[in-house]
Protein backbone atom coordinates (compact mmCIF):
# COMPACT_ATOMS: atom_id res chain seq x y z
CA MET A 1 97.78 93.73 68.95
CA ILE A 2 94.25 93.37 67.51
CA PRO A 3 93.70 89.76 66.53
CA ALA A 4 93.29 89.02 62.79
CA TRP A 5 89.96 87.25 63.31
CA CYS A 6 88.23 90.57 63.97
CA GLU A 7 88.26 91.18 60.23
CA ARG A 8 85.59 88.61 59.73
CA TYR A 9 83.19 90.66 61.69
CA ILE A 10 83.91 94.24 60.65
CA GLY A 11 81.23 95.80 58.52
CA ILE A 12 78.54 93.31 59.51
CA PRO A 13 75.43 95.68 59.76
CA TYR A 14 73.46 96.61 62.83
CA VAL A 15 70.08 94.94 63.05
CA GLU A 16 67.71 95.30 66.03
CA SER A 17 67.74 91.94 67.84
CA GLY A 18 70.01 90.53 64.96
CA ARG A 19 71.63 87.16 65.82
CA ASP A 20 73.48 86.20 62.57
CA ARG A 21 75.82 87.55 59.89
CA ALA A 22 72.94 89.15 58.05
CA GLY A 23 72.83 91.72 60.86
CA LEU A 24 73.57 91.79 64.62
CA ASP A 25 72.93 93.89 67.63
CA CYS A 26 75.49 94.27 70.24
CA TRP A 27 74.47 91.21 72.21
CA GLY A 28 74.27 89.17 69.00
CA LEU A 29 77.77 90.17 68.15
CA LEU A 30 79.05 88.95 71.54
CA VAL A 31 77.19 85.60 71.22
CA LEU A 32 78.45 85.05 67.75
CA ILE A 33 82.16 85.82 68.56
CA TRP A 34 82.09 83.84 71.73
CA ARG A 35 80.73 80.87 69.98
CA GLU A 36 82.95 81.11 66.97
CA GLN A 37 86.38 82.27 68.55
CA TYR A 38 86.20 80.86 71.95
CA GLY A 39 83.86 77.87 71.86
CA VAL A 40 81.58 79.19 74.52
CA ASP A 41 77.76 79.27 74.18
CA LEU A 42 76.41 82.07 76.34
CA PRO A 43 73.19 81.63 78.18
CA ALA A 44 70.17 83.15 76.25
CA TYR A 45 69.36 86.73 77.12
CA ASP A 46 65.58 86.92 77.28
CA GLY A 47 65.12 90.39 78.70
CA PRO A 48 63.99 93.40 76.79
CA THR A 49 66.23 94.57 73.87
CA TRP A 50 66.87 98.05 72.55
CA HIS A 51 64.65 99.36 69.87
CA ARG A 52 63.58 102.96 69.05
CA GLY A 53 61.17 104.01 71.62
CA ALA A 54 62.18 101.46 74.26
CA ASP A 55 62.53 102.45 77.95
CA ALA A 56 66.22 102.63 78.63
CA ALA A 57 65.85 102.24 82.39
CA THR A 58 63.83 98.97 82.00
CA ILE A 59 66.50 97.53 79.60
CA GLY A 60 69.30 98.65 81.78
CA ARG A 61 67.85 96.95 84.86
CA ALA A 62 67.27 93.73 82.99
CA LEU A 63 70.87 93.72 81.59
CA GLN A 64 72.26 94.34 85.08
CA ARG A 65 70.24 91.42 86.43
CA ASP A 66 71.50 89.23 83.53
CA LEU A 67 75.08 90.06 84.28
CA ASP A 68 74.74 88.25 87.62
CA ARG A 69 75.53 84.98 85.49
CA TYR A 70 79.03 86.25 84.67
CA ASP A 71 82.18 87.08 86.59
CA GLU A 72 82.97 90.68 87.13
CA ILE A 73 86.44 91.69 86.06
CA ALA A 74 88.29 94.56 87.74
CA ALA A 75 89.20 97.49 85.41
CA GLY A 76 92.89 97.09 84.28
CA CYS A 77 92.50 93.26 84.57
CA GLU A 78 90.42 92.93 81.38
CA ARG A 79 91.77 90.81 78.48
CA GLU A 80 90.85 89.63 75.05
CA GLY A 81 87.46 87.94 75.13
CA ASP A 82 86.10 89.88 78.03
CA GLY A 83 82.70 91.69 77.65
CA ILE A 84 82.50 95.44 78.29
CA ILE A 85 79.40 97.10 79.36
CA LEU A 86 78.87 100.79 78.56
CA ARG A 87 76.31 103.39 79.38
CA LEU A 88 74.13 104.95 76.83
CA ARG A 89 71.20 107.29 77.43
CA GLY A 90 72.32 107.18 81.07
CA GLU A 91 71.69 103.41 81.44
CA PRO A 92 73.78 100.30 80.88
CA LEU A 93 72.51 99.53 77.49
CA HIS A 94 75.50 98.61 75.31
CA VAL A 95 78.02 95.78 75.31
CA GLY A 96 81.10 95.28 73.34
CA LEU A 97 84.00 92.79 73.45
CA VAL A 98 87.61 93.54 74.46
CA VAL A 99 89.92 92.45 71.71
CA ALA A 100 93.16 94.14 72.77
CA SER A 101 94.29 96.42 75.62
CA GLY A 102 92.03 99.53 75.23
CA TRP A 103 90.28 98.26 72.20
CA MET A 104 86.74 96.75 71.66
CA ILE A 105 84.71 95.27 68.74
CA HIS A 106 81.07 96.37 68.80
CA THR A 107 77.98 97.50 66.92
CA HIS A 108 75.24 99.90 67.67
CA GLU A 109 72.17 101.49 65.95
CA THR A 110 74.35 104.10 64.12
CA ALA A 111 77.31 101.90 63.16
CA ALA A 112 78.07 98.47 61.63
CA VAL A 113 80.56 96.27 63.58
CA CYS A 114 83.65 98.19 64.18
CA LEU A 115 86.75 98.44 66.26
CA GLU A 116 87.06 101.39 68.62
CA SER A 117 89.10 102.47 71.67
CA TYR A 118 87.20 102.26 74.95
CA ARG A 119 89.89 104.48 76.46
CA GLY A 120 89.28 107.37 73.94
CA LEU A 121 86.99 110.36 74.34
CA ALA A 122 83.87 108.58 72.76
CA TRP A 123 83.68 105.74 75.17
CA SER A 124 85.95 106.14 78.27
CA ARG A 125 83.39 107.90 80.49
CA ARG A 126 80.65 105.36 79.51
CA VAL A 127 82.50 102.17 80.58
CA LEU A 128 80.67 100.67 83.59
CA GLY A 129 82.76 97.44 83.82
CA PHE A 130 84.06 94.15 82.41
CA TRP A 131 82.81 90.61 82.79
CA ARG A 132 83.52 87.10 81.39
CA PRO A 133 81.40 84.07 81.18
CA ARG A 134 81.77 81.39 83.88
CA CYS A 135 83.19 78.22 82.49
């Protein structure tokens, strides 16, 4: 069952490097939800972020290095609140948040914050893994 709190985020527009309710990128959405719903302040991500014309490989490598600060979760063991990393443009460029079995909340450059199945056709082959903050 998808938690009721998700409704508070649905429809927030995508904004490159957005970090508040006026607009969020995918990382900004994770930071906001983890702070508001789970009381966890994530370490700042200071690597390159996605913008039109950015080098996908450079961003992908930086994101992979940043994930060393989190615990990797085996597929099938993910739970509400875990991060999900997804491949776009052939690189690990996108993150979402697991909100229920098979469902994530996320935003990207062509969509405001929404719920989608990460097991469906659009995302299942793009899933690279799951992770959660170390407490």
